[in-house]
Amino acid sequence: MYLPAHFKSVDFDLALRLIAERPLALLIGPDAQGESFGTHVPLVALPGEGLVLEGHMARANPHWGWLSAQRRVLAVFSGPDAYVSPSHYDSVKNVPTWNYAALHAYGEVELIDGGADKDALLKRLIGRFEPDYAGQWRGLPEDYQHKLLGAIVGFRIRVTRWELKLKMSQNRAAAERQRIREALAASERAADRDTAEWMARLEG
């Protein structure tokens, strides 16, 4: 992606934080004709060295087959975003812009299609998003669990390169940044307030 130096971050902890806060990613990879195809799917980062993402999609979705054949995939995580009014700047010779966070993760796909492996994957996802549901999942009839597991394909993405763009008014004067952050923090729009929090994180 277009990544000016003042908006580029190499902070791995911030990349992991964005994934944790905004797990719904857009997976982009080629279809059978080589055209771009996208699937929206929640992903989690596995603990350990490097960046490994894990998730699953419906078996009815042909995307997993194309990805397994091509191996390469791009996962895009979109963080909070907010409109920035030029009214916050010192000079009237300015125009509106948009603040946002985005992570592009490039990697290789590995399918997870064994029943036991998919069951373990689902339990990890349940543990991440709704631990209290684990008991209900284990209590479902075994044949029903097998049916559900058969309807999905799990996968793991071993990320080989990632780009984190945090466009948070770093190119503006400190007083302007403060006015922008304060205005967003006071907004009724949740995404504006979330953007203000990310601005605060970058300012230390």
N, C-alpha and C. Protein backbone atom coordinates (compact mmCIF):
# COMPACT_ATOMS: atom_id res chain seq x y z
N MET A 1 0.84 -1.18 0.00
CA MET A 1 0.00 0.00 0.00
C MET A 1 0.88 1.24 0.00
N TYR A 2 0.28 2.36 -0.32
CA TYR A 2 1.00 3.63 -0.28
C TYR A 2 1.32 3.93 1.17
N LEU A 3 2.60 4.08 1.48
CA LEU A 3 3.01 4.15 2.89
C LEU A 3 4.09 5.22 3.09
N PRO A 4 3.68 6.49 3.18
CA PRO A 4 4.66 7.55 3.47
C PRO A 4 5.38 7.27 4.78
N ALA A 5 6.63 7.71 4.87
CA ALA A 5 7.47 7.38 6.02
C ALA A 5 6.85 7.83 7.34
N HIS A 6 6.18 9.01 7.36
CA HIS A 6 5.67 9.51 8.63
C HIS A 6 4.43 8.76 9.10
N PHE A 7 3.84 7.92 8.25
CA PHE A 7 2.69 7.12 8.66
C PHE A 7 3.04 5.64 8.83
N LYS A 8 4.28 5.27 8.56
CA LYS A 8 4.70 3.87 8.64
C LYS A 8 5.08 3.52 10.08
N SER A 9 4.59 2.37 10.53
CA SER A 9 4.96 1.87 11.86
C SER A 9 5.55 0.47 11.73
N VAL A 10 6.61 0.23 12.49
CA VAL A 10 7.21 -1.11 12.53
C VAL A 10 7.04 -1.71 13.92
N ASP A 11 6.10 -1.15 14.68
CA ASP A 11 5.84 -1.61 16.03
C ASP A 11 4.98 -2.88 15.99
N PHE A 12 5.61 -4.03 16.26
CA PHE A 12 4.91 -5.31 16.17
C PHE A 12 3.79 -5.40 17.20
N ASP A 13 3.99 -4.83 18.37
CA ASP A 13 2.95 -4.87 19.40
C ASP A 13 1.71 -4.11 18.96
N LEU A 14 1.89 -3.00 18.25
CA LEU A 14 0.75 -2.25 17.74
C LEU A 14 0.04 -3.03 16.63
N ALA A 15 0.81 -3.76 15.83
CA ALA A 15 0.19 -4.61 14.79
C ALA A 15 -0.68 -5.68 15.44
N LEU A 16 -0.16 -6.32 16.48
CA LEU A 16 -0.93 -7.34 17.19
C LEU A 16 -2.16 -6.73 17.86
N ARG A 17 -2.01 -5.52 18.36
CA ARG A 17 -3.14 -4.86 19.02
C ARG A 17 -4.25 -4.57 18.02
N LEU A 18 -3.89 -4.13 16.82
CA LEU A 18 -4.89 -3.86 15.80
C LEU A 18 -5.63 -5.13 15.41
N ILE A 19 -4.90 -6.24 15.27
CA ILE A 19 -5.53 -7.53 14.95
C ILE A 19 -6.50 -7.94 16.06
N ALA A 20 -6.07 -7.76 17.31
CA ALA A 20 -6.91 -8.16 18.44
C ALA A 20 -8.17 -7.31 18.54
N GLU A 21 -8.02 -6.01 18.27
CA GLU A 21 -9.17 -5.10 18.39
C GLU A 21 -10.09 -5.16 17.18
N ARG A 22 -9.53 -5.44 16.02
CA ARG A 22 -10.31 -5.45 14.77
C ARG A 22 -10.03 -6.74 14.00
N PRO A 23 -10.50 -7.89 14.51
CA PRO A 23 -10.12 -9.18 13.93
C PRO A 23 -10.75 -9.51 12.57
N LEU A 24 -11.80 -8.79 12.18
CA LEU A 24 -12.43 -9.10 10.90
C LEU A 24 -11.54 -8.60 9.77
N ALA A 25 -10.94 -9.54 9.04
CA ALA A 25 -10.00 -9.21 7.98
C ALA A 25 -10.63 -9.46 6.61
N LEU A 26 -10.06 -8.83 5.61
CA LEU A 26 -10.41 -9.11 4.23
C LEU A 26 -9.27 -9.91 3.62
N LEU A 27 -9.55 -11.18 3.28
CA LEU A 27 -8.56 -12.02 2.61
C LEU A 27 -8.68 -11.81 1.11
N ILE A 28 -7.56 -11.48 0.49
CA ILE A 28 -7.55 -11.22 -0.94
C ILE A 28 -6.58 -12.18 -1.61
N GLY A 29 -7.08 -12.90 -2.60
CA GLY A 29 -6.26 -13.83 -3.36
C GLY A 29 -6.90 -14.08 -4.71
N PRO A 30 -6.19 -14.69 -5.64
CA PRO A 30 -6.72 -14.89 -6.98
C PRO A 30 -7.75 -16.01 -7.04
N ASP A 31 -8.70 -15.85 -7.98
CA ASP A 31 -9.64 -16.93 -8.24
C ASP A 31 -9.07 -17.83 -9.33
N ALA A 32 -9.89 -18.71 -9.88
CA ALA A 32 -9.40 -19.67 -10.88
C ALA A 32 -8.91 -18.96 -12.15
N GLN A 33 -9.43 -17.77 -12.41
CA GLN A 33 -9.02 -17.02 -13.60
C GLN A 33 -7.92 -16.00 -13.30
N GLY A 34 -7.45 -16.00 -12.06
CA GLY A 34 -6.39 -15.07 -11.69
C GLY A 34 -6.88 -13.70 -11.27
N GLU A 35 -8.21 -13.52 -11.20
CA GLU A 35 -8.77 -12.26 -10.77
C GLU A 35 -8.80 -12.19 -9.24
N SER A 36 -8.77 -10.99 -8.70
CA SER A 36 -8.80 -10.83 -7.24
C SER A 36 -10.15 -11.25 -6.69
N PHE A 37 -10.13 -11.96 -5.56
CA PHE A 37 -11.34 -12.43 -4.90
C PHE A 37 -11.16 -12.17 -3.41
N GLY A 38 -12.20 -11.64 -2.76
CA GLY A 38 -12.09 -11.30 -1.36
C GLY A 38 -13.06 -12.05 -0.48
N THR A 39 -12.62 -12.40 0.71
CA THR A 39 -13.47 -13.05 1.71
C THR A 39 -13.26 -12.34 3.04
N HIS A 40 -14.36 -11.95 3.67
CA HIS A 40 -14.30 -11.31 4.98
C HIS A 40 -14.38 -12.41 6.05
N VAL A 41 -13.38 -12.45 6.92
CA VAL A 41 -13.31 -13.53 7.90
C VAL A 41 -12.53 -13.07 9.13
N PRO A 42 -12.99 -13.43 10.33
CA PRO A 42 -12.21 -13.08 11.52
C PRO A 42 -10.95 -13.94 11.62
N LEU A 43 -9.85 -13.30 12.02
CA LEU A 43 -8.58 -14.00 12.17
C LEU A 43 -7.99 -13.66 13.54
N VAL A 44 -7.26 -14.59 14.09
CA VAL A 44 -6.55 -14.35 15.35
C VAL A 44 -5.07 -14.64 15.13
N ALA A 45 -4.25 -13.95 15.90
CA ALA A 45 -2.81 -14.16 15.84
C ALA A 45 -2.42 -15.20 16.89
N LEU A 46 -1.67 -16.21 16.46
CA LEU A 46 -1.23 -17.24 17.39
C LEU A 46 0.00 -16.76 18.16
N PRO A 47 0.12 -17.14 19.42
CA PRO A 47 1.30 -16.74 20.19
C PRO A 47 2.54 -17.45 19.66
N GLY A 48 3.67 -16.79 19.85
CA GLY A 48 4.93 -17.37 19.39
C GLY A 48 5.71 -16.37 18.57
N GLU A 49 6.81 -16.83 18.01
CA GLU A 49 7.66 -15.96 17.22
C GLU A 49 7.02 -15.69 15.86
N GLY A 50 7.25 -14.50 15.35
CA GLY A 50 6.70 -14.14 14.06
C GLY A 50 5.21 -13.89 14.15
N LEU A 51 4.57 -13.82 12.99
CA LEU A 51 3.14 -13.56 12.93
C LEU A 51 2.46 -14.69 12.17
N VAL A 52 1.61 -15.43 12.86
CA VAL A 52 0.83 -16.51 12.27
C VAL A 52 -0.63 -16.24 12.58
N LEU A 53 -1.46 -16.23 11.53
CA LEU A 53 -2.88 -15.96 11.67
C LEU A 53 -3.67 -17.24 11.44
N GLU A 54 -4.83 -17.34 12.09
CA GLU A 54 -5.63 -18.55 12.02
C GLU A 54 -7.11 -18.19 11.90
N GLY A 55 -7.82 -18.98 11.10
CA GLY A 55 -9.25 -18.77 10.94
C GLY A 55 -9.88 -19.90 10.16
N HIS A 56 -11.11 -19.69 9.73
CA HIS A 56 -11.79 -20.69 8.90
C HIS A 56 -12.83 -20.01 8.04
N MET A 57 -13.26 -20.70 7.00
CA MET A 57 -14.32 -20.20 6.13
C MET A 57 -15.22 -21.35 5.73
N ALA A 58 -16.37 -21.03 5.16
CA ALA A 58 -17.33 -22.04 4.74
C ALA A 58 -16.74 -22.91 3.63
N ARG A 59 -16.97 -24.21 3.71
CA ARG A 59 -16.50 -25.10 2.65
C ARG A 59 -17.15 -24.74 1.31
N ALA A 60 -18.35 -24.16 1.38
CA ALA A 60 -19.05 -23.78 0.14
C ALA A 60 -18.37 -22.62 -0.57
N ASN A 61 -17.52 -21.89 0.15
CA ASN A 61 -16.78 -20.77 -0.44
C ASN A 61 -15.61 -21.33 -1.26
N PRO A 62 -15.58 -21.10 -2.58
CA PRO A 62 -14.49 -21.66 -3.40
C PRO A 62 -13.14 -21.02 -3.13
N HIS A 63 -13.13 -19.95 -2.36
CA HIS A 63 -11.88 -19.21 -2.15
C HIS A 63 -10.79 -20.07 -1.51
N TRP A 64 -11.17 -20.93 -0.55
CA TRP A 64 -10.16 -21.73 0.14
C TRP A 64 -9.42 -22.65 -0.83
N GLY A 65 -10.14 -23.17 -1.83
CA GLY A 65 -9.49 -24.03 -2.82
C GLY A 65 -8.50 -23.28 -3.68
N TRP A 66 -8.88 -22.09 -4.09
CA TRP A 66 -7.96 -21.28 -4.90
C TRP A 66 -6.75 -20.86 -4.08
N LEU A 67 -6.98 -20.51 -2.82
CA LEU A 67 -5.86 -20.12 -1.98
C LEU A 67 -4.90 -21.27 -1.74
N SER A 68 -5.45 -22.47 -1.54
CA SER A 68 -4.58 -23.62 -1.30
C SER A 68 -3.74 -23.94 -2.52
N ALA A 69 -4.27 -23.63 -3.71
CA ALA A 69 -3.52 -23.88 -4.94
C ALA A 69 -2.47 -22.80 -5.18
N GLN A 70 -2.83 -21.55 -4.89
CA GLN A 70 -1.91 -20.44 -5.14
C GLN A 70 -0.95 -20.19 -3.97
N ARG A 71 -1.42 -20.54 -2.77
CA ARG A 71 -0.63 -20.44 -1.54
C ARG A 71 -0.48 -19.01 -1.01
N ARG A 72 -0.42 -18.01 -1.87
CA ARG A 72 -0.17 -16.65 -1.43
C ARG A 72 -1.48 -15.92 -1.15
N VAL A 73 -1.47 -15.10 -0.09
CA VAL A 73 -2.68 -14.37 0.28
C VAL A 73 -2.30 -13.06 0.95
N LEU A 74 -3.20 -12.10 0.85
CA LEU A 74 -3.08 -10.83 1.54
C LEU A 74 -4.25 -10.70 2.50
N ALA A 75 -3.96 -10.47 3.78
CA ALA A 75 -5.00 -10.23 4.78
C ALA A 75 -4.94 -8.75 5.17
N VAL A 76 -6.07 -8.08 5.03
CA VAL A 76 -6.15 -6.64 5.32
C VAL A 76 -7.01 -6.43 6.57
N PHE A 77 -6.42 -5.80 7.57
CA PHE A 77 -7.15 -5.44 8.79
C PHE A 77 -7.37 -3.93 8.78
N SER A 78 -8.61 -3.54 8.94
CA SER A 78 -8.95 -2.11 8.94
C SER A 78 -9.23 -1.66 10.37
N GLY A 79 -8.46 -0.70 10.83
CA GLY A 79 -8.64 -0.18 12.18
C GLY A 79 -9.65 0.95 12.22
N PRO A 80 -9.67 1.71 13.31
CA PRO A 80 -10.60 2.82 13.40
C PRO A 80 -10.28 3.92 12.39
N ASP A 81 -11.27 4.69 12.04
CA ASP A 81 -11.07 5.77 11.07
C ASP A 81 -11.93 6.95 11.44
N ALA A 82 -11.52 8.13 10.98
CA ALA A 82 -12.26 9.34 11.33
C ALA A 82 -11.99 10.45 10.31
N TYR A 83 -13.01 11.19 9.99
CA TYR A 83 -12.90 12.39 9.17
C TYR A 83 -12.19 13.47 9.98
N VAL A 84 -11.26 14.17 9.34
CA VAL A 84 -10.53 15.26 10.00
C VAL A 84 -10.85 16.57 9.29
N SER A 85 -11.48 17.46 10.01
CA SER A 85 -11.87 18.76 9.45
C SER A 85 -10.68 19.72 9.39
N PRO A 86 -10.58 20.51 8.32
CA PRO A 86 -9.50 21.49 8.24
C PRO A 86 -9.68 22.64 9.24
N SER A 87 -10.82 22.66 9.93
CA SER A 87 -11.04 23.71 10.93
C SER A 87 -10.07 23.60 12.10
N HIS A 88 -9.42 22.44 12.24
CA HIS A 88 -8.49 22.24 13.35
C HIS A 88 -7.09 22.78 13.05
N TYR A 89 -6.84 23.17 11.80
CA TYR A 89 -5.51 23.60 11.42
C TYR A 89 -5.32 25.10 11.66
N ASP A 90 -4.06 25.51 11.78
CA ASP A 90 -3.75 26.91 12.02
C ASP A 90 -4.05 27.78 10.80
N SER A 91 -3.87 27.24 9.61
CA SER A 91 -4.07 28.00 8.38
C SER A 91 -5.35 27.56 7.68
N VAL A 92 -6.02 28.51 7.04
CA VAL A 92 -7.23 28.17 6.28
C VAL A 92 -6.88 27.49 4.97
N LYS A 93 -5.61 27.57 4.58
CA LYS A 93 -5.18 26.94 3.33
C LYS A 93 -4.90 25.46 3.57
N ASN A 94 -5.96 24.75 3.92
CA ASN A 94 -5.89 23.31 4.17
C ASN A 94 -7.20 22.68 3.72
N VAL A 95 -7.18 21.38 3.56
CA VAL A 95 -8.35 20.66 3.09
C VAL A 95 -8.66 19.49 4.03
N PRO A 96 -9.88 18.95 3.95
CA PRO A 96 -10.21 17.80 4.81
C PRO A 96 -9.34 16.60 4.49
N THR A 97 -9.22 15.70 5.46
CA THR A 97 -8.52 14.44 5.24
C THR A 97 -9.17 13.37 6.11
N TRP A 98 -8.54 12.22 6.18
CA TRP A 98 -9.09 11.10 6.94
C TRP A 98 -7.95 10.45 7.71
N ASN A 99 -8.16 10.21 8.99
CA ASN A 99 -7.21 9.45 9.79
C ASN A 99 -7.68 8.00 9.88
N TYR A 100 -6.72 7.07 9.89
CA TYR A 100 -7.11 5.66 9.94
C TYR A 100 -5.89 4.79 10.26
N ALA A 101 -6.21 3.55 10.63
CA ALA A 101 -5.18 2.53 10.86
C ALA A 101 -5.47 1.35 9.94
N ALA A 102 -4.41 0.80 9.35
CA ALA A 102 -4.58 -0.34 8.45
C ALA A 102 -3.35 -1.23 8.51
N LEU A 103 -3.59 -2.52 8.48
CA LEU A 103 -2.50 -3.50 8.48
C LEU A 103 -2.66 -4.43 7.29
N HIS A 104 -1.61 -4.55 6.49
CA HIS A 104 -1.57 -5.50 5.38
C HIS A 104 -0.60 -6.61 5.75
N ALA A 105 -1.09 -7.84 5.78
CA ALA A 105 -0.25 -8.99 6.12
C ALA A 105 -0.20 -9.94 4.94
N TYR A 106 1.00 -10.18 4.43
CA TYR A 106 1.20 -11.05 3.27
C TYR A 106 1.78 -12.39 3.76
N GLY A 107 1.26 -13.49 3.26
CA GLY A 107 1.78 -14.77 3.73
C GLY A 107 1.35 -15.95 2.89
N GLU A 108 1.66 -17.12 3.41
CA GLU A 108 1.36 -18.38 2.73
C GLU A 108 0.30 -19.14 3.51
N VAL A 109 -0.62 -19.73 2.76
CA VAL A 109 -1.76 -20.42 3.37
C VAL A 109 -1.47 -21.89 3.57
N GLU A 110 -1.86 -22.39 4.73
CA GLU A 110 -1.79 -23.81 5.04
C GLU A 110 -3.18 -24.24 5.51
N LEU A 111 -3.78 -25.23 4.82
CA LEU A 111 -5.12 -25.67 5.18
C LEU A 111 -5.11 -26.53 6.43
N ILE A 112 -6.20 -26.43 7.19
CA ILE A 112 -6.42 -27.28 8.37
C ILE A 112 -7.77 -27.95 8.16
N ASP A 113 -7.75 -29.23 7.75
CA ASP A 113 -9.01 -29.86 7.37
C ASP A 113 -9.28 -31.18 8.09
N GLY A 114 -8.40 -31.57 9.00
CA GLY A 114 -8.68 -32.75 9.81
C GLY A 114 -9.70 -32.42 10.89
N GLY A 115 -10.58 -33.37 11.21
CA GLY A 115 -11.63 -33.13 12.17
C GLY A 115 -11.11 -32.67 13.52
N ALA A 116 -10.13 -33.38 14.07
CA ALA A 116 -9.58 -33.03 15.38
C ALA A 116 -8.88 -31.68 15.34
N ASP A 117 -8.17 -31.42 14.24
CA ASP A 117 -7.46 -30.14 14.12
C ASP A 117 -8.44 -28.98 14.02
N LYS A 118 -9.53 -29.17 13.28
CA LYS A 118 -10.52 -28.11 13.16
C LYS A 118 -11.25 -27.90 14.49
N ASP A 119 -11.50 -28.98 15.20
CA ASP A 119 -12.15 -28.85 16.50
C ASP A 119 -11.26 -28.04 17.45
N ALA A 120 -9.96 -28.30 17.42
CA ALA A 120 -9.02 -27.55 18.26
C ALA A 120 -8.98 -26.08 17.84
N LEU A 121 -9.03 -25.84 16.52
CA LEU A 121 -9.04 -24.48 16.01
C LEU A 121 -10.28 -23.73 16.51
N LEU A 122 -11.44 -24.37 16.40
CA LEU A 122 -12.67 -23.73 16.86
C LEU A 122 -12.62 -23.43 18.35
N LYS A 123 -12.07 -24.34 19.11
CA LYS A 123 -11.98 -24.11 20.56
C LYS A 123 -11.05 -22.94 20.88
N ARG A 124 -10.00 -22.78 20.07
CA ARG A 124 -9.12 -21.61 20.28
C ARG A 124 -9.87 -20.32 19.95
N LEU A 125 -10.66 -20.34 18.87
CA LEU A 125 -11.43 -19.16 18.51
C LEU A 125 -12.50 -18.85 19.56
N ILE A 126 -13.15 -19.89 20.06
CA ILE A 126 -14.14 -19.70 21.12
C ILE A 126 -13.48 -19.11 22.36
N GLY A 127 -12.28 -19.61 22.69
CA GLY A 127 -11.55 -19.09 23.83
C GLY A 127 -11.20 -17.63 23.67
N ARG A 128 -11.01 -17.21 22.43
CA ARG A 128 -10.67 -15.80 22.17
C ARG A 128 -11.89 -14.90 22.20
N PHE A 129 -13.01 -15.34 21.60
CA PHE A 129 -14.15 -14.46 21.42
C PHE A 129 -15.29 -14.66 22.43
N GLU A 130 -15.48 -15.90 22.90
CA GLU A 130 -16.57 -16.14 23.85
C GLU A 130 -16.28 -17.40 24.66
N PRO A 131 -15.42 -17.31 25.66
CA PRO A 131 -15.05 -18.50 26.45
C PRO A 131 -16.25 -19.21 27.06
N ASP A 132 -17.29 -18.46 27.41
CA ASP A 132 -18.45 -19.07 28.05
C ASP A 132 -19.21 -20.00 27.11
N TYR A 133 -18.96 -19.86 25.80
CA TYR A 133 -19.66 -20.72 24.84
C TYR A 133 -19.03 -22.12 24.77
N ALA A 134 -17.84 -22.28 25.30
CA ALA A 134 -17.12 -23.56 25.18
C ALA A 134 -17.95 -24.73 25.70
N GLY A 135 -18.60 -24.53 26.84
CA GLY A 135 -19.41 -25.61 27.41
C GLY A 135 -20.57 -25.99 26.51
N GLN A 136 -21.19 -24.99 25.90
CA GLN A 136 -22.31 -25.27 24.99
C GLN A 136 -21.84 -26.05 23.77
N TRP A 137 -20.65 -25.67 23.23
CA TRP A 137 -20.11 -26.38 22.07
C TRP A 137 -19.83 -27.83 22.42
N ARG A 138 -19.21 -28.07 23.56
CA ARG A 138 -18.89 -29.44 23.95
C ARG A 138 -20.16 -30.26 24.23
N GLY A 139 -21.25 -29.58 24.59
CA GLY A 139 -22.48 -30.28 24.89
C GLY A 139 -23.35 -30.58 23.69
N LEU A 140 -22.99 -30.09 22.52
CA LEU A 140 -23.77 -30.37 21.32
C LEU A 140 -23.64 -31.84 20.94
N PRO A 141 -24.68 -32.44 20.33
CA PRO A 141 -24.58 -33.84 19.90
C PRO A 141 -23.37 -34.05 18.99
N GLU A 142 -22.71 -35.20 19.16
CA GLU A 142 -21.48 -35.45 18.41
C GLU A 142 -21.69 -35.42 16.91
N ASP A 143 -22.82 -36.00 16.44
CA ASP A 143 -23.06 -36.00 15.00
C ASP A 143 -23.27 -34.58 14.47
N TYR A 144 -23.86 -33.72 15.31
CA TYR A 144 -24.07 -32.32 14.90
C TYR A 144 -22.74 -31.58 14.83
N GLN A 145 -21.85 -31.86 15.79
CA GLN A 145 -20.52 -31.26 15.75
C GLN A 145 -19.78 -31.67 14.49
N HIS A 146 -19.84 -32.95 14.15
CA HIS A 146 -19.16 -33.44 12.94
C HIS A 146 -19.72 -32.77 11.69
N LYS A 147 -21.02 -32.56 11.67
CA LYS A 147 -21.65 -31.91 10.53
C LYS A 147 -21.15 -30.47 10.38
N LEU A 148 -21.09 -29.76 11.51
CA LEU A 148 -20.62 -28.38 11.47
C LEU A 148 -19.14 -28.31 11.07
N LEU A 149 -18.34 -29.21 11.63
CA LEU A 149 -16.91 -29.22 11.29
C LEU A 149 -16.70 -29.54 9.82
N GLY A 150 -17.56 -30.40 9.27
CA GLY A 150 -17.44 -30.74 7.86
C GLY A 150 -17.80 -29.61 6.93
N ALA A 151 -18.55 -28.63 7.45
CA ALA A 151 -19.01 -27.52 6.62
C ALA A 151 -18.01 -26.36 6.57
N ILE A 152 -16.89 -26.50 7.26
CA ILE A 152 -15.88 -25.44 7.25
C ILE A 152 -14.51 -26.00 6.87
N VAL A 153 -13.65 -25.09 6.47
CA VAL A 153 -12.25 -25.42 6.20
C VAL A 153 -11.41 -24.44 7.01
N GLY A 154 -10.54 -24.96 7.85
CA GLY A 154 -9.66 -24.11 8.63
C GLY A 154 -8.39 -23.81 7.85
N PHE A 155 -7.72 -22.75 8.25
CA PHE A 155 -6.46 -22.42 7.58
C PHE A 155 -5.58 -21.60 8.52
N ARG A 156 -4.32 -21.62 8.19
CA ARG A 156 -3.32 -20.86 8.93
C ARG A 156 -2.51 -20.07 7.90
N ILE A 157 -2.22 -18.82 8.23
CA ILE A 157 -1.42 -17.98 7.34
C ILE A 157 -0.11 -17.65 8.04
N ARG A 158 0.98 -18.09 7.46
CA ARG A 158 2.31 -17.75 7.99
C ARG A 158 2.76 -16.47 7.29
N VAL A 159 2.71 -15.40 8.03
CA VAL A 159 2.97 -14.08 7.45
C VAL A 159 4.46 -13.90 7.20
N THR A 160 4.79 -13.53 5.98
CA THR A 160 6.18 -13.32 5.58
C THR A 160 6.54 -11.84 5.52
N ARG A 161 5.50 -10.98 5.43
CA ARG A 161 5.75 -9.53 5.37
C ARG A 161 4.48 -8.82 5.81
N TRP A 162 4.65 -7.75 6.59
CA TRP A 162 3.49 -6.98 7.00
C TRP A 162 3.81 -5.49 6.96
N GLU A 163 2.77 -4.70 6.69
CA GLU A 163 2.88 -3.26 6.63
C GLU A 163 1.79 -2.65 7.51
N LEU A 164 2.20 -1.79 8.43
CA LEU A 164 1.25 -1.13 9.33
C LEU A 164 1.26 0.36 9.04
N LYS A 165 0.10 0.85 8.63
CA LYS A 165 -0.05 2.29 8.35
C LYS A 165 -0.94 2.90 9.42
N LEU A 166 -0.38 3.86 10.15
CA LEU A 166 -1.12 4.59 11.17
C LEU A 166 -1.13 6.06 10.75
N LYS A 167 -2.15 6.43 10.02
CA LYS A 167 -2.29 7.81 9.56
C LYS A 167 -3.05 8.58 10.63
N MET A 168 -2.33 9.19 11.55
CA MET A 168 -2.91 9.81 12.74
C MET A 168 -2.41 11.23 12.93
N SER A 169 -2.34 11.97 11.82
CA SER A 169 -1.96 13.40 11.86
C SER A 169 -0.53 13.63 12.33
N GLN A 170 0.35 12.62 12.15
CA GLN A 170 1.75 12.80 12.59
C GLN A 170 2.44 13.91 11.81
N ASN A 171 1.92 14.25 10.63
CA ASN A 171 2.55 15.28 9.79
C ASN A 171 2.08 16.69 10.13
N ARG A 172 1.27 16.81 11.19
CA ARG A 172 0.76 18.12 11.59
C ARG A 172 1.49 18.61 12.84
N ALA A 173 1.37 19.91 13.10
CA ALA A 173 1.98 20.51 14.29
C ALA A 173 1.33 19.95 15.55
N ALA A 174 2.06 19.99 16.66
CA ALA A 174 1.58 19.40 17.91
C ALA A 174 0.24 20.01 18.35
N ALA A 175 0.10 21.32 18.23
CA ALA A 175 -1.15 21.97 18.65
C ALA A 175 -2.31 21.52 17.78
N GLU A 176 -2.06 21.35 16.50
CA GLU A 176 -3.11 20.88 15.59
C GLU A 176 -3.51 19.45 15.93
N ARG A 177 -2.51 18.61 16.18
CA ARG A 177 -2.80 17.22 16.55
C ARG A 177 -3.65 17.15 17.81
N GLN A 178 -3.32 18.00 18.76
CA GLN A 178 -4.07 18.00 20.01
C GLN A 178 -5.53 18.41 19.78
N ARG A 179 -5.74 19.42 18.96
CA ARG A 179 -7.12 19.85 18.68
C ARG A 179 -7.90 18.74 17.98
N ILE A 180 -7.25 18.08 17.03
CA ILE A 180 -7.90 16.99 16.30
C ILE A 180 -8.27 15.86 17.27
N ARG A 181 -7.29 15.46 18.10
CA ARG A 181 -7.53 14.36 19.04
C ARG A 181 -8.64 14.70 20.02
N GLU A 182 -8.65 15.91 20.54
CA GLU A 182 -9.67 16.30 21.49
C GLU A 182 -11.06 16.34 20.86
N ALA A 183 -11.12 16.81 19.63
CA ALA A 183 -12.41 16.86 18.93
C ALA A 183 -12.93 15.45 18.67
N LEU A 184 -12.05 14.54 18.26
CA LEU A 184 -12.47 13.17 17.99
C LEU A 184 -12.87 12.47 19.29
N ALA A 185 -12.13 12.73 20.36
CA ALA A 185 -12.44 12.10 21.65
C ALA A 185 -13.81 12.52 22.17
N ALA A 186 -14.25 13.72 21.78
CA ALA A 186 -15.54 14.23 22.24
C ALA A 186 -16.69 13.89 21.29
N SER A 187 -16.38 13.21 20.22
CA SER A 187 -17.39 12.89 19.21
C SER A 187 -18.39 11.85 19.71
N GLU A 188 -19.61 11.89 19.14
CA GLU A 188 -20.61 10.86 19.44
C GLU A 188 -20.34 9.59 18.64
N ARG A 189 -19.49 9.66 17.65
CA ARG A 189 -19.19 8.52 16.78
C ARG A 189 -18.10 7.66 17.43
N ALA A 190 -18.40 6.39 17.67
CA ALA A 190 -17.46 5.50 18.35
C ALA A 190 -16.14 5.39 17.61
N ALA A 191 -16.19 5.33 16.27
CA ALA A 191 -14.96 5.21 15.49
C ALA A 191 -14.07 6.43 15.66
N ASP A 192 -14.69 7.61 15.82
CA ASP A 192 -13.90 8.82 16.07
C ASP A 192 -13.16 8.70 17.40
N ARG A 193 -13.87 8.25 18.43
CA ARG A 193 -13.25 8.12 19.75
C ARG A 193 -12.14 7.07 19.73
N ASP A 194 -12.37 5.98 19.00
CA ASP A 194 -11.32 4.95 18.88
C ASP A 194 -10.09 5.52 18.17
N THR A 195 -10.32 6.34 17.15
CA THR A 195 -9.20 6.96 16.43
C THR A 195 -8.42 7.88 17.36
N ALA A 196 -9.15 8.61 18.20
CA ALA A 196 -8.48 9.48 19.17
C ALA A 196 -7.59 8.67 20.12
N GLU A 197 -8.05 7.49 20.52
CA GLU A 197 -7.24 6.63 21.38
C GLU A 197 -5.96 6.20 20.69
N TRP A 198 -6.05 5.87 19.41
CA TRP A 198 -4.84 5.49 18.67
C TRP A 198 -3.90 6.68 18.50
N MET A 199 -4.45 7.86 18.31
CA MET A 199 -3.60 9.05 18.25
C MET A 199 -2.85 9.22 19.57
N ALA A 200 -3.56 9.01 20.68
CA ALA A 200 -2.93 9.16 21.99
C ALA A 200 -1.82 8.13 22.19
N ARG A 201 -2.04 6.92 21.70
CA ARG A 201 -1.02 5.87 21.84
C ARG A 201 0.27 6.27 21.12
N LEU A 202 0.13 6.85 19.95
CA LEU A 202 1.32 7.23 19.18
C LEU A 202 2.03 8.41 19.81
N GLU A 203 1.29 9.24 20.53
CA GLU A 203 1.91 10.41 21.16
C GLU A 203 2.57 10.04 22.49
N GLY A 204 2.36 8.79 22.91
CA GLY A 204 3.01 8.31 24.12
C GLY A 204 2.32 8.80 25.38
